Amino acid sequence: MRTVYIIVAALLLKISQLDGTFARAIADNPQATMTELNVEKGLTFVKREHQVPFGIDFVGCRDWTDPNGMNCNTDEGDTLCTEQRPVLCVKVDNSPRPAYFVYGSGAAMPPEFYAGWNHGHIATTLPVAGSSFSTKADVDAYCAQAFGAGWRLATFHDAMYISGMNGTIYAGDSWTANTALMQTGGWHYYSYGDVRNDMRFWVHIRDRPANCWSN
């Protein structure tokens, strides 16, 4: 009987920590799974580093320098849409790639794929619930309202890369002159900016159901 009391107490404590709608759903059906309750999650990125010489940030799925860091989830989302996170916004102005170095040996794709350049700047809004937005256009408008014309919601696939780029290879003018060689990257990328690093931020992915809003 003591075990039953402990389980019930733990369940009630968890319910008290969750969003109202989700909590009521669990209370009504404590045996339900996350899928059955239709709990929506959104995709988030995190800042991994800032390179002062270039004035650029490296953002993406995970900060591997943090042993307690979490991975993003591109299939189902990784953060409850009711939670408040900053929105990662981007302004693409076709800035040429700075001569940052690309490290590592890659994985399923070459290392450049995971260290692409987004052709512009990033900034973060104040924290906001992902469920506050109905569509991607709503989030784009939120970014424009916060930072001005030309700003929009950042996406998982914003970055571009050229095979073999590293340091001064395909940087500056040689980057701009070789647009035909550019390919779409993912998972992490570089951008001008110096955003916060104390929490993750909302981003969009175009080809997966991992957003808090519709496309």
N, C-alpha and C. Protein backbone atom coordinates (compact mmCIF):
# COMPACT_ATOMS: atom_id res chain seq x y z
N MET A 1 0.83 -1.20 0.00
CA MET A 1 0.00 0.00 0.00
C MET A 1 0.87 1.26 0.00
N ARG A 2 1.99 1.21 0.73
CA ARG A 2 2.89 2.35 0.78
C ARG A 2 3.41 2.69 -0.62
N THR A 3 3.69 1.64 -1.41
CA THR A 3 4.18 1.86 -2.77
C THR A 3 3.14 2.58 -3.62
N VAL A 4 1.87 2.21 -3.45
CA VAL A 4 0.78 2.86 -4.19
C VAL A 4 0.71 4.34 -3.85
N TYR A 5 0.82 4.67 -2.55
CA TYR A 5 0.77 6.07 -2.13
C TYR A 5 1.92 6.87 -2.75
N ILE A 6 3.09 6.27 -2.80
CA ILE A 6 4.26 6.96 -3.36
C ILE A 6 4.05 7.24 -4.85
N ILE A 7 3.52 6.25 -5.57
CA ILE A 7 3.28 6.42 -7.00
C ILE A 7 2.26 7.52 -7.25
N VAL A 8 1.17 7.51 -6.47
CA VAL A 8 0.12 8.52 -6.62
C VAL A 8 0.67 9.91 -6.32
N ALA A 9 1.47 10.02 -5.25
CA ALA A 9 2.04 11.31 -4.88
C ALA A 9 2.96 11.84 -5.97
N ALA A 10 3.77 10.95 -6.55
CA ALA A 10 4.68 11.35 -7.62
C ALA A 10 3.91 11.82 -8.85
N LEU A 11 2.81 11.12 -9.15
CA LEU A 11 1.99 11.50 -10.30
C LEU A 11 1.35 12.87 -10.09
N LEU A 12 0.84 13.11 -8.89
CA LEU A 12 0.22 14.40 -8.60
C LEU A 12 1.24 15.53 -8.66
N LEU A 13 2.46 15.27 -8.19
CA LEU A 13 3.51 16.29 -8.26
C LEU A 13 3.84 16.62 -9.70
N LYS A 14 3.93 15.59 -10.54
CA LYS A 14 4.24 15.82 -11.95
C LYS A 14 3.13 16.60 -12.62
N ILE A 15 1.88 16.27 -12.29
CA ILE A 15 0.75 16.97 -12.88
C ILE A 15 0.80 18.45 -12.54
N SER A 16 1.18 18.76 -11.30
CA SER A 16 1.21 20.16 -10.87
C SER A 16 2.26 20.97 -11.59
N GLN A 17 3.26 20.29 -12.18
CA GLN A 17 4.34 20.99 -12.87
C GLN A 17 4.06 21.19 -14.35
N LEU A 18 3.02 20.59 -14.87
CA LEU A 18 2.76 20.62 -16.30
C LEU A 18 1.73 21.67 -16.66
N ASP A 19 1.67 21.98 -17.95
CA ASP A 19 0.67 22.91 -18.46
C ASP A 19 -0.73 22.41 -18.14
N GLY A 20 -1.68 23.33 -17.92
CA GLY A 20 -3.01 22.97 -17.47
C GLY A 20 -3.72 21.95 -18.33
N THR A 21 -3.75 22.15 -19.64
CA THR A 21 -4.47 21.24 -20.53
C THR A 21 -3.87 19.85 -20.49
N PHE A 22 -2.55 19.78 -20.57
CA PHE A 22 -1.85 18.50 -20.53
C PHE A 22 -2.07 17.81 -19.19
N ALA A 23 -2.03 18.59 -18.10
CA ALA A 23 -2.19 18.02 -16.77
C ALA A 23 -3.59 17.43 -16.61
N ARG A 24 -4.61 18.14 -17.09
CA ARG A 24 -5.97 17.62 -16.97
C ARG A 24 -6.14 16.34 -17.76
N ALA A 25 -5.46 16.26 -18.91
CA ALA A 25 -5.56 15.06 -19.73
C ALA A 25 -4.96 13.86 -19.01
N ILE A 26 -3.84 14.07 -18.33
CA ILE A 26 -3.22 12.98 -17.58
C ILE A 26 -4.10 12.57 -16.41
N ALA A 27 -4.67 13.57 -15.73
CA ALA A 27 -5.52 13.27 -14.59
C ALA A 27 -6.73 12.44 -15.01
N ASP A 28 -7.29 12.74 -16.19
CA ASP A 28 -8.44 12.00 -16.69
C ASP A 28 -8.07 10.60 -17.14
N ASN A 29 -6.83 10.45 -17.62
CA ASN A 29 -6.40 9.15 -18.14
C ASN A 29 -4.94 8.91 -17.77
N PRO A 30 -4.65 8.52 -16.54
CA PRO A 30 -3.26 8.39 -16.08
C PRO A 30 -2.48 7.30 -16.79
N GLN A 31 -3.14 6.41 -17.51
CA GLN A 31 -2.45 5.34 -18.21
C GLN A 31 -2.09 5.72 -19.64
N ALA A 32 -2.51 6.91 -20.08
CA ALA A 32 -2.30 7.31 -21.47
C ALA A 32 -0.83 7.55 -21.75
N THR A 33 -0.43 7.27 -22.98
CA THR A 33 0.93 7.54 -23.40
C THR A 33 1.02 8.97 -23.91
N MET A 34 2.25 9.45 -24.14
CA MET A 34 2.44 10.80 -24.66
C MET A 34 1.77 10.95 -26.02
N THR A 35 1.85 9.90 -26.86
CA THR A 35 1.25 9.97 -28.19
C THR A 35 -0.26 10.06 -28.10
N GLU A 36 -0.86 9.26 -27.20
CA GLU A 36 -2.31 9.26 -27.06
C GLU A 36 -2.82 10.61 -26.58
N LEU A 37 -2.02 11.31 -25.78
CA LEU A 37 -2.41 12.62 -25.27
C LEU A 37 -2.14 13.73 -26.29
N ASN A 38 -1.52 13.38 -27.41
CA ASN A 38 -1.24 14.33 -28.48
C ASN A 38 -0.43 15.53 -27.95
N VAL A 39 0.62 15.24 -27.22
CA VAL A 39 1.48 16.28 -26.68
C VAL A 39 2.38 16.80 -27.78
N GLU A 40 2.28 18.08 -28.08
CA GLU A 40 3.05 18.65 -29.17
C GLU A 40 4.39 19.17 -28.66
N LYS A 41 5.42 18.90 -29.44
CA LYS A 41 6.75 19.41 -29.14
C LYS A 41 7.31 20.11 -30.37
N GLY A 42 8.23 21.03 -30.12
CA GLY A 42 8.85 21.76 -31.21
C GLY A 42 10.36 21.56 -31.22
N LEU A 43 10.97 21.88 -32.34
CA LEU A 43 12.41 21.73 -32.52
C LEU A 43 13.14 22.95 -31.95
N THR A 44 14.26 22.69 -31.26
CA THR A 44 15.07 23.79 -30.73
C THR A 44 16.54 23.59 -31.08
N PHE A 45 17.24 24.71 -31.15
CA PHE A 45 18.70 24.76 -31.33
C PHE A 45 19.31 25.36 -30.07
N VAL A 46 20.64 25.29 -29.99
CA VAL A 46 21.37 25.88 -28.88
C VAL A 46 22.65 26.50 -29.43
N LYS A 47 23.16 27.51 -28.74
CA LYS A 47 24.43 28.12 -29.13
C LYS A 47 25.57 27.28 -28.60
N ARG A 48 26.50 26.95 -29.49
CA ARG A 48 27.65 26.14 -29.09
C ARG A 48 28.87 27.00 -28.80
N GLU A 49 29.11 28.03 -29.61
CA GLU A 49 30.27 28.89 -29.37
C GLU A 49 30.12 30.21 -30.10
N HIS A 50 30.94 31.18 -29.69
CA HIS A 50 31.05 32.46 -30.39
C HIS A 50 32.51 32.68 -30.73
N GLN A 51 32.79 32.99 -31.98
CA GLN A 51 34.16 33.25 -32.42
C GLN A 51 34.35 34.76 -32.56
N VAL A 52 35.04 35.34 -31.59
CA VAL A 52 35.22 36.79 -31.54
C VAL A 52 35.91 37.35 -32.78
N PRO A 53 36.97 36.72 -33.30
CA PRO A 53 37.66 37.31 -34.46
C PRO A 53 36.75 37.57 -35.66
N PHE A 54 35.74 36.72 -35.85
CA PHE A 54 34.83 36.88 -36.98
C PHE A 54 33.48 37.46 -36.58
N GLY A 55 33.19 37.51 -35.28
CA GLY A 55 31.89 37.98 -34.83
C GLY A 55 30.77 37.03 -35.19
N ILE A 56 31.06 35.72 -35.14
CA ILE A 56 30.08 34.73 -35.57
C ILE A 56 29.74 33.76 -34.44
N ASP A 57 28.53 33.22 -34.51
CA ASP A 57 28.07 32.17 -33.60
C ASP A 57 28.00 30.84 -34.34
N PHE A 58 28.16 29.77 -33.57
CA PHE A 58 27.94 28.42 -34.08
C PHE A 58 26.74 27.87 -33.31
N VAL A 59 25.62 27.67 -33.99
CA VAL A 59 24.39 27.20 -33.36
C VAL A 59 23.96 25.89 -33.99
N GLY A 60 23.17 25.12 -33.24
CA GLY A 60 22.70 23.87 -33.81
C GLY A 60 22.05 22.95 -32.81
N CYS A 61 22.03 21.69 -33.16
CA CYS A 61 21.27 20.68 -32.42
C CYS A 61 21.76 20.49 -31.00
N ARG A 62 23.08 20.48 -30.80
CA ARG A 62 23.60 20.18 -29.47
C ARG A 62 24.92 20.89 -29.22
N ASP A 63 25.13 21.29 -27.97
CA ASP A 63 26.41 21.82 -27.54
C ASP A 63 27.21 20.66 -26.97
N TRP A 64 28.13 20.12 -27.75
CA TRP A 64 28.88 18.94 -27.34
C TRP A 64 29.88 19.24 -26.24
N THR A 65 30.12 20.52 -25.93
CA THR A 65 31.02 20.86 -24.83
C THR A 65 30.31 20.75 -23.48
N ASP A 66 28.98 20.62 -23.51
CA ASP A 66 28.19 20.50 -22.28
C ASP A 66 27.86 19.03 -22.05
N PRO A 67 28.46 18.39 -21.03
CA PRO A 67 28.22 16.96 -20.81
C PRO A 67 26.76 16.65 -20.47
N ASN A 68 26.02 17.65 -20.02
CA ASN A 68 24.61 17.45 -19.68
C ASN A 68 23.67 17.98 -20.76
N GLY A 69 24.24 18.35 -21.90
CA GLY A 69 23.44 18.92 -22.96
C GLY A 69 22.50 17.91 -23.59
N MET A 70 21.41 18.41 -24.18
CA MET A 70 20.43 17.54 -24.82
C MET A 70 20.54 17.64 -26.33
N ASN A 71 20.13 16.59 -27.01
CA ASN A 71 20.04 16.60 -28.46
C ASN A 71 18.71 17.21 -28.89
N CYS A 72 18.69 17.77 -30.09
CA CYS A 72 17.40 18.14 -30.66
C CYS A 72 16.75 16.87 -31.22
N ASN A 73 15.47 16.96 -31.54
CA ASN A 73 14.76 15.83 -32.12
C ASN A 73 14.04 16.32 -33.37
N THR A 74 14.59 15.97 -34.53
CA THR A 74 14.05 16.48 -35.79
C THR A 74 12.81 15.72 -36.25
N ASP A 75 12.49 14.61 -35.60
CA ASP A 75 11.32 13.83 -36.00
C ASP A 75 10.07 14.20 -35.21
N GLU A 76 10.21 14.43 -33.91
CA GLU A 76 9.05 14.67 -33.06
C GLU A 76 9.13 15.98 -32.28
N GLY A 77 10.23 16.71 -32.41
CA GLY A 77 10.44 17.87 -31.56
C GLY A 77 11.05 17.44 -30.24
N ASP A 78 11.64 18.36 -29.52
CA ASP A 78 12.34 18.03 -28.29
C ASP A 78 11.88 18.83 -27.08
N THR A 79 11.05 19.85 -27.29
CA THR A 79 10.62 20.73 -26.21
C THR A 79 9.12 20.95 -26.29
N LEU A 80 8.41 20.80 -25.17
CA LEU A 80 6.97 21.01 -25.15
C LEU A 80 6.63 22.40 -25.68
N CYS A 81 5.65 22.47 -26.56
CA CYS A 81 5.27 23.74 -27.18
C CYS A 81 4.72 24.74 -26.16
N THR A 82 4.29 24.26 -25.01
CA THR A 82 3.78 25.15 -23.98
C THR A 82 4.91 25.82 -23.20
N GLU A 83 6.13 25.33 -23.35
CA GLU A 83 7.26 25.94 -22.66
C GLU A 83 7.70 27.21 -23.38
N GLN A 84 8.30 28.12 -22.64
CA GLN A 84 8.75 29.38 -23.22
C GLN A 84 10.23 29.31 -23.58
N ARG A 85 10.51 29.60 -24.84
CA ARG A 85 11.88 29.65 -25.35
C ARG A 85 12.00 30.86 -26.28
N PRO A 86 13.19 31.43 -26.42
CA PRO A 86 13.36 32.49 -27.41
C PRO A 86 13.17 31.91 -28.82
N VAL A 87 12.78 32.75 -29.75
CA VAL A 87 12.74 32.36 -31.16
C VAL A 87 14.07 32.77 -31.79
N LEU A 88 14.69 31.86 -32.53
CA LEU A 88 15.90 32.21 -33.27
C LEU A 88 15.47 32.82 -34.60
N CYS A 89 15.84 34.07 -34.80
CA CYS A 89 15.47 34.79 -36.02
C CYS A 89 16.72 35.01 -36.88
N VAL A 90 16.51 35.13 -38.18
CA VAL A 90 17.62 35.28 -39.11
C VAL A 90 17.31 36.36 -40.13
N LYS A 91 18.34 37.08 -40.54
CA LYS A 91 18.23 38.00 -41.67
C LYS A 91 19.31 37.64 -42.67
N VAL A 92 18.89 37.13 -43.81
CA VAL A 92 19.82 36.73 -44.86
C VAL A 92 20.14 37.94 -45.73
N ASP A 93 21.41 38.33 -45.76
CA ASP A 93 21.82 39.49 -46.57
C ASP A 93 22.94 39.12 -47.54
N ASN A 94 23.13 37.81 -47.74
CA ASN A 94 24.14 37.29 -48.67
C ASN A 94 25.57 37.68 -48.30
N SER A 95 25.82 37.79 -47.00
CA SER A 95 27.19 38.02 -46.54
C SER A 95 28.06 36.84 -46.93
N PRO A 96 29.27 37.08 -47.46
CA PRO A 96 30.16 35.97 -47.81
C PRO A 96 30.65 35.23 -46.56
N ARG A 97 31.01 34.00 -46.73
CA ARG A 97 31.45 33.18 -45.60
C ARG A 97 32.78 33.69 -45.04
N PRO A 98 32.86 33.92 -43.71
CA PRO A 98 34.15 34.24 -43.09
C PRO A 98 35.07 33.02 -43.14
N ALA A 99 36.34 33.24 -42.90
CA ALA A 99 37.33 32.17 -43.05
C ALA A 99 37.45 31.32 -41.79
N TYR A 100 36.32 30.87 -41.25
CA TYR A 100 36.37 29.99 -40.08
C TYR A 100 36.80 28.58 -40.52
N PHE A 101 37.33 27.84 -39.56
CA PHE A 101 37.80 26.49 -39.86
C PHE A 101 36.70 25.46 -39.63
N VAL A 102 36.73 24.42 -40.41
CA VAL A 102 35.79 23.30 -40.28
C VAL A 102 36.56 22.12 -39.70
N TYR A 103 36.09 21.61 -38.57
CA TYR A 103 36.79 20.54 -37.88
C TYR A 103 36.01 19.22 -37.96
N GLY A 104 36.70 18.14 -37.65
CA GLY A 104 36.05 16.83 -37.60
C GLY A 104 36.08 16.11 -38.92
N SER A 105 35.55 14.89 -38.89
CA SER A 105 35.54 14.04 -40.08
C SER A 105 34.14 13.82 -40.63
N GLY A 106 33.14 14.49 -40.03
CA GLY A 106 31.78 14.33 -40.51
C GLY A 106 31.14 13.06 -39.98
N ALA A 107 30.00 12.72 -40.54
CA ALA A 107 29.27 11.51 -40.13
C ALA A 107 28.64 10.92 -41.39
N ALA A 108 27.32 10.97 -41.49
CA ALA A 108 26.67 10.51 -42.71
C ALA A 108 26.99 11.43 -43.88
N MET A 109 27.31 12.68 -43.56
CA MET A 109 27.66 13.69 -44.55
C MET A 109 29.06 14.23 -44.24
N PRO A 110 29.69 14.92 -45.20
CA PRO A 110 31.02 15.48 -44.94
C PRO A 110 30.97 16.55 -43.86
N PRO A 111 32.10 16.86 -43.23
CA PRO A 111 32.09 17.81 -42.10
C PRO A 111 31.57 19.19 -42.47
N GLU A 112 31.75 19.61 -43.72
CA GLU A 112 31.27 20.93 -44.13
C GLU A 112 29.74 21.03 -44.03
N PHE A 113 29.06 19.91 -44.22
CA PHE A 113 27.60 19.88 -44.14
C PHE A 113 27.12 20.35 -42.77
N TYR A 114 27.87 20.00 -41.73
CA TYR A 114 27.50 20.31 -40.35
C TYR A 114 28.08 21.65 -39.86
N ALA A 115 28.72 22.38 -40.75
CA ALA A 115 29.34 23.66 -40.38
C ALA A 115 29.11 24.70 -41.47
N GLY A 116 27.90 24.70 -42.02
CA GLY A 116 27.58 25.59 -43.13
C GLY A 116 27.47 27.05 -42.71
N TRP A 117 27.26 27.89 -43.70
CA TRP A 117 27.16 29.34 -43.50
C TRP A 117 25.76 29.80 -43.89
N ASN A 118 25.14 30.66 -43.07
CA ASN A 118 23.74 31.03 -43.33
C ASN A 118 23.58 32.34 -44.10
N HIS A 119 24.67 32.92 -44.58
CA HIS A 119 24.60 34.13 -45.41
C HIS A 119 24.05 35.36 -44.69
N GLY A 120 24.16 35.40 -43.37
CA GLY A 120 23.60 36.58 -42.71
C GLY A 120 23.79 36.62 -41.22
N HIS A 121 22.76 37.10 -40.53
CA HIS A 121 22.81 37.37 -39.10
C HIS A 121 21.69 36.64 -38.36
N ILE A 122 21.94 36.35 -37.07
CA ILE A 122 20.91 35.77 -36.22
C ILE A 122 20.73 36.62 -34.97
N ALA A 123 19.54 36.50 -34.37
CA ALA A 123 19.23 37.18 -33.11
C ALA A 123 18.12 36.37 -32.43
N THR A 124 17.95 36.56 -31.14
CA THR A 124 16.90 35.84 -30.41
C THR A 124 15.92 36.82 -29.77
N THR A 125 14.65 36.41 -29.77
CA THR A 125 13.61 37.20 -29.13
C THR A 125 13.57 36.89 -27.64
N LEU A 126 12.68 37.53 -26.93
CA LEU A 126 12.39 37.14 -25.55
C LEU A 126 11.70 35.78 -25.57
N PRO A 127 11.78 35.01 -24.49
CA PRO A 127 11.13 33.69 -24.46
C PRO A 127 9.62 33.79 -24.69
N VAL A 128 9.09 32.85 -25.45
CA VAL A 128 7.68 32.81 -25.78
C VAL A 128 7.28 31.35 -25.99
N ALA A 129 6.07 31.00 -25.65
CA ALA A 129 5.60 29.63 -25.86
C ALA A 129 5.45 29.35 -27.35
N GLY A 130 5.94 28.19 -27.79
CA GLY A 130 5.79 27.83 -29.19
C GLY A 130 4.33 27.71 -29.60
N SER A 131 3.48 27.36 -28.64
CA SER A 131 2.05 27.22 -28.91
C SER A 131 1.36 28.56 -29.12
N SER A 132 2.10 29.66 -28.96
CA SER A 132 1.52 30.99 -29.20
C SER A 132 1.29 31.25 -30.68
N PHE A 133 1.93 30.45 -31.54
CA PHE A 133 1.87 30.67 -32.98
C PHE A 133 1.07 29.57 -33.67
N SER A 134 0.29 29.97 -34.67
CA SER A 134 -0.49 28.99 -35.43
C SER A 134 0.24 28.52 -36.68
N THR A 135 0.97 29.43 -37.33
CA THR A 135 1.65 29.10 -38.57
C THR A 135 3.08 29.64 -38.56
N LYS A 136 3.89 29.13 -39.48
CA LYS A 136 5.26 29.65 -39.63
C LYS A 136 5.24 31.13 -39.98
N ALA A 137 4.25 31.53 -40.78
CA ALA A 137 4.14 32.95 -41.15
C ALA A 137 3.96 33.82 -39.91
N ASP A 138 3.26 33.31 -38.90
CA ASP A 138 3.09 34.05 -37.66
C ASP A 138 4.43 34.28 -36.97
N VAL A 139 5.28 33.25 -36.99
CA VAL A 139 6.59 33.37 -36.34
C VAL A 139 7.50 34.29 -37.15
N ASP A 140 7.42 34.20 -38.48
CA ASP A 140 8.17 35.13 -39.33
C ASP A 140 7.81 36.57 -38.99
N ALA A 141 6.51 36.83 -38.84
CA ALA A 141 6.04 38.18 -38.53
C ALA A 141 6.52 38.62 -37.15
N TYR A 142 6.59 37.67 -36.22
CA TYR A 142 7.06 37.96 -34.87
C TYR A 142 8.53 38.41 -34.91
N CYS A 143 9.34 37.74 -35.73
CA CYS A 143 10.74 38.13 -35.89
C CYS A 143 10.86 39.51 -36.52
N ALA A 144 10.05 39.77 -37.55
CA ALA A 144 10.09 41.07 -38.22
C ALA A 144 9.66 42.18 -37.27
N GLN A 145 8.68 41.89 -36.42
CA GLN A 145 8.23 42.88 -35.45
C GLN A 145 9.32 43.18 -34.43
N ALA A 146 10.08 42.15 -34.06
CA ALA A 146 11.12 42.31 -33.04
C ALA A 146 12.37 43.00 -33.58
N PHE A 147 12.74 42.71 -34.83
CA PHE A 147 14.04 43.17 -35.33
C PHE A 147 13.99 44.00 -36.61
N GLY A 148 12.84 44.03 -37.28
CA GLY A 148 12.72 44.86 -38.46
C GLY A 148 12.49 44.06 -39.74
N ALA A 149 12.31 44.80 -40.82
CA ALA A 149 12.04 44.18 -42.12
C ALA A 149 13.18 43.26 -42.54
N GLY A 150 12.83 42.13 -43.14
CA GLY A 150 13.83 41.18 -43.63
C GLY A 150 14.17 40.08 -42.65
N TRP A 151 13.75 40.22 -41.40
CA TRP A 151 14.00 39.17 -40.41
C TRP A 151 12.88 38.14 -40.45
N ARG A 152 13.24 36.88 -40.25
CA ARG A 152 12.27 35.78 -40.25
C ARG A 152 12.74 34.69 -39.30
N LEU A 153 11.90 33.70 -39.12
CA LEU A 153 12.23 32.54 -38.30
C LEU A 153 13.38 31.76 -38.92
N ALA A 154 14.37 31.39 -38.11
CA ALA A 154 15.48 30.56 -38.58
C ALA A 154 15.01 29.13 -38.79
N THR A 155 15.63 28.44 -39.73
CA THR A 155 15.25 27.07 -40.02
C THR A 155 16.45 26.13 -39.92
N PHE A 156 16.13 24.87 -39.82
CA PHE A 156 17.14 23.81 -39.72
C PHE A 156 18.05 23.79 -40.94
N HIS A 157 17.51 24.16 -42.11
CA HIS A 157 18.25 24.06 -43.36
C HIS A 157 18.70 25.42 -43.91
N ASP A 158 18.90 26.40 -43.05
CA ASP A 158 19.29 27.73 -43.53
C ASP A 158 20.69 27.77 -44.14
N ALA A 159 21.57 26.93 -43.65
CA ALA A 159 22.98 27.05 -44.03
C ALA A 159 23.30 26.40 -45.37
N MET A 160 24.36 26.91 -45.99
CA MET A 160 24.89 26.36 -47.23
C MET A 160 26.36 26.00 -47.02
N TYR A 161 26.83 25.05 -47.80
CA TYR A 161 28.25 24.69 -47.72
C TYR A 161 28.76 24.34 -49.11
N ILE A 162 30.08 24.37 -49.26
CA ILE A 162 30.75 23.92 -50.48
C ILE A 162 31.74 22.84 -50.08
N SER A 163 31.71 21.72 -50.74
CA SER A 163 32.63 20.63 -50.42
C SER A 163 34.07 21.13 -50.47
N GLY A 164 34.82 20.87 -49.42
CA GLY A 164 36.22 21.28 -49.36
C GLY A 164 36.44 22.64 -48.73
N MET A 165 35.37 23.36 -48.39
CA MET A 165 35.57 24.67 -47.77
C MET A 165 36.21 24.50 -46.40
N ASN A 166 37.17 25.37 -46.10
CA ASN A 166 37.84 25.34 -44.80
C ASN A 166 38.79 26.52 -44.73
N GLY A 167 38.73 27.27 -43.64
CA GLY A 167 39.57 28.45 -43.53
C GLY A 167 39.32 29.39 -44.70
N THR A 168 40.39 29.77 -45.38
CA THR A 168 40.26 30.72 -46.50
C THR A 168 39.79 30.06 -47.79
N ILE A 169 39.72 28.74 -47.82
CA ILE A 169 39.23 28.03 -49.01
C ILE A 169 37.71 28.22 -49.10
N TYR A 170 37.25 28.79 -50.18
CA TYR A 170 35.84 29.14 -50.37
C TYR A 170 35.33 30.07 -49.27
N ALA A 171 36.08 31.10 -49.00
CA ALA A 171 35.67 32.16 -48.07
C ALA A 171 35.78 33.50 -48.78
N GLY A 172 35.07 34.50 -48.29
CA GLY A 172 35.14 35.82 -48.90
C GLY A 172 34.70 35.82 -50.35
N ASP A 173 35.50 36.43 -51.21
CA ASP A 173 35.15 36.54 -52.63
C ASP A 173 35.03 35.19 -53.31
N SER A 174 35.86 34.22 -52.89
CA SER A 174 35.80 32.91 -53.55
C SER A 174 34.53 32.16 -53.17
N TRP A 175 33.94 32.49 -52.03
CA TRP A 175 32.64 31.93 -51.66
C TRP A 175 31.56 32.50 -52.57
N THR A 176 31.55 33.81 -52.69
CA THR A 176 30.53 34.48 -53.50
C THR A 176 30.62 34.09 -54.96
N ALA A 177 31.83 33.82 -55.45
CA ALA A 177 32.02 33.50 -56.86
C ALA A 177 31.65 32.06 -57.20
N ASN A 178 31.33 31.26 -56.20
CA ASN A 178 31.07 29.84 -56.46
C ASN A 178 29.69 29.40 -55.96
N THR A 179 28.70 30.22 -56.21
CA THR A 179 27.34 29.89 -55.77
C THR A 179 26.84 28.59 -56.40
N ALA A 180 27.32 28.27 -57.58
CA ALA A 180 26.87 27.05 -58.26
C ALA A 180 27.30 25.79 -57.53
N LEU A 181 28.32 25.91 -56.67
CA LEU A 181 28.82 24.75 -55.93
C LEU A 181 28.16 24.58 -54.56
N MET A 182 27.35 25.54 -54.17
CA MET A 182 26.77 25.52 -52.82
C MET A 182 25.67 24.46 -52.70
N GLN A 183 25.66 23.80 -51.54
CA GLN A 183 24.65 22.80 -51.21
C GLN A 183 24.04 23.12 -49.84
N THR A 184 22.87 22.58 -49.60
CA THR A 184 22.19 22.83 -48.33
C THR A 184 22.76 21.96 -47.23
N GLY A 185 23.07 22.58 -46.08
CA GLY A 185 23.58 21.85 -44.93
C GLY A 185 22.50 21.63 -43.89
N GLY A 186 22.92 21.21 -42.69
CA GLY A 186 21.95 20.98 -41.62
C GLY A 186 22.61 20.66 -40.30
N TRP A 187 21.81 20.60 -39.25
CA TRP A 187 22.18 20.23 -37.88
C TRP A 187 22.89 21.34 -37.12
N HIS A 188 23.90 21.97 -37.70
CA HIS A 188 24.59 23.10 -37.08
C HIS A 188 25.00 24.07 -38.19
N TYR A 189 25.17 25.34 -37.84
CA TYR A 189 25.71 26.28 -38.82
C TYR A 189 26.26 27.53 -38.14
N TYR A 190 27.04 28.28 -38.92
CA TYR A 190 27.62 29.54 -38.47
C TYR A 190 26.82 30.71 -39.01
N SER A 191 26.84 31.81 -38.25
CA SER A 191 26.15 33.03 -38.66
C SER A 191 26.76 34.21 -37.91
N TYR A 192 26.67 35.40 -38.49
CA TYR A 192 27.02 36.59 -37.73
C TYR A 192 26.01 36.75 -36.60
N GLY A 193 26.52 37.15 -35.42
CA GLY A 193 25.65 37.35 -34.28
C GLY A 193 26.34 36.94 -32.99
N ASP A 194 25.69 37.23 -31.89
CA ASP A 194 26.18 36.84 -30.57
C ASP A 194 24.96 36.65 -29.68
N VAL A 195 24.25 35.54 -29.89
CA VAL A 195 22.99 35.31 -29.19
C VAL A 195 23.24 34.71 -27.81
N ARG A 196 22.21 34.63 -27.02
CA ARG A 196 22.31 34.10 -25.67
C ARG A 196 22.68 32.62 -25.69
N ASN A 197 23.31 32.17 -24.62
CA ASN A 197 23.70 30.75 -24.54
C ASN A 197 23.19 30.09 -23.27
N ASP A 198 22.19 30.71 -22.62
CA ASP A 198 21.69 30.16 -21.37
C ASP A 198 20.46 29.28 -21.55
N MET A 199 19.90 29.23 -22.75
CA MET A 199 18.76 28.37 -23.00
C MET A 199 18.64 28.10 -24.50
N ARG A 200 17.88 27.06 -24.84
CA ARG A 200 17.67 26.71 -26.23
C ARG A 200 16.63 27.63 -26.86
N PHE A 201 16.54 27.62 -28.20
CA PHE A 201 15.60 28.51 -28.87
C PHE A 201 14.87 27.80 -30.01
N TRP A 202 13.64 28.27 -30.27
CA TRP A 202 12.79 27.67 -31.30
C TRP A 202 13.36 27.89 -32.69
N VAL A 203 13.34 26.84 -33.52
CA VAL A 203 13.65 26.93 -34.94
C VAL A 203 12.61 26.11 -35.70
N HIS A 204 12.67 26.19 -37.02
CA HIS A 204 11.69 25.50 -37.87
C HIS A 204 12.41 24.47 -38.73
N ILE A 205 11.73 23.36 -38.99
CA ILE A 205 12.24 22.38 -39.95
C ILE A 205 11.15 22.12 -40.97
N ARG A 206 11.50 22.16 -42.24
CA ARG A 206 10.48 22.19 -43.29
C ARG A 206 9.94 20.82 -43.67
N ASP A 207 10.68 19.76 -43.42
CA ASP A 207 10.29 18.46 -43.96
C ASP A 207 10.00 17.42 -42.89
N ARG A 208 9.78 17.86 -41.66
CA ARG A 208 9.49 16.94 -40.56
C ARG A 208 8.36 17.51 -39.69
N PRO A 209 7.61 16.64 -39.02
CA PRO A 209 6.52 17.12 -38.14
C PRO A 209 7.04 17.46 -36.74
N ALA A 210 8.01 18.36 -36.67
CA ALA A 210 8.64 18.68 -35.39
C ALA A 210 8.50 20.16 -35.05
N ASN A 211 7.41 20.78 -35.49
CA ASN A 211 7.19 22.20 -35.24
C ASN A 211 5.95 22.40 -34.37
N CYS A 212 5.94 23.49 -33.62
CA CYS A 212 4.78 23.83 -32.80
C CYS A 212 3.68 24.49 -33.62
N TRP A 213 3.96 24.81 -34.86
CA TRP A 213 3.04 25.53 -35.73
C TRP A 213 2.96 24.80 -37.07
N SER A 214 1.99 25.14 -37.88
CA SER A 214 1.87 24.54 -39.20
C SER A 214 2.77 25.27 -40.18
N ASN A 215 3.07 24.60 -41.29
CA ASN A 215 3.93 25.21 -42.31
C ASN A 215 3.23 26.34 -43.04
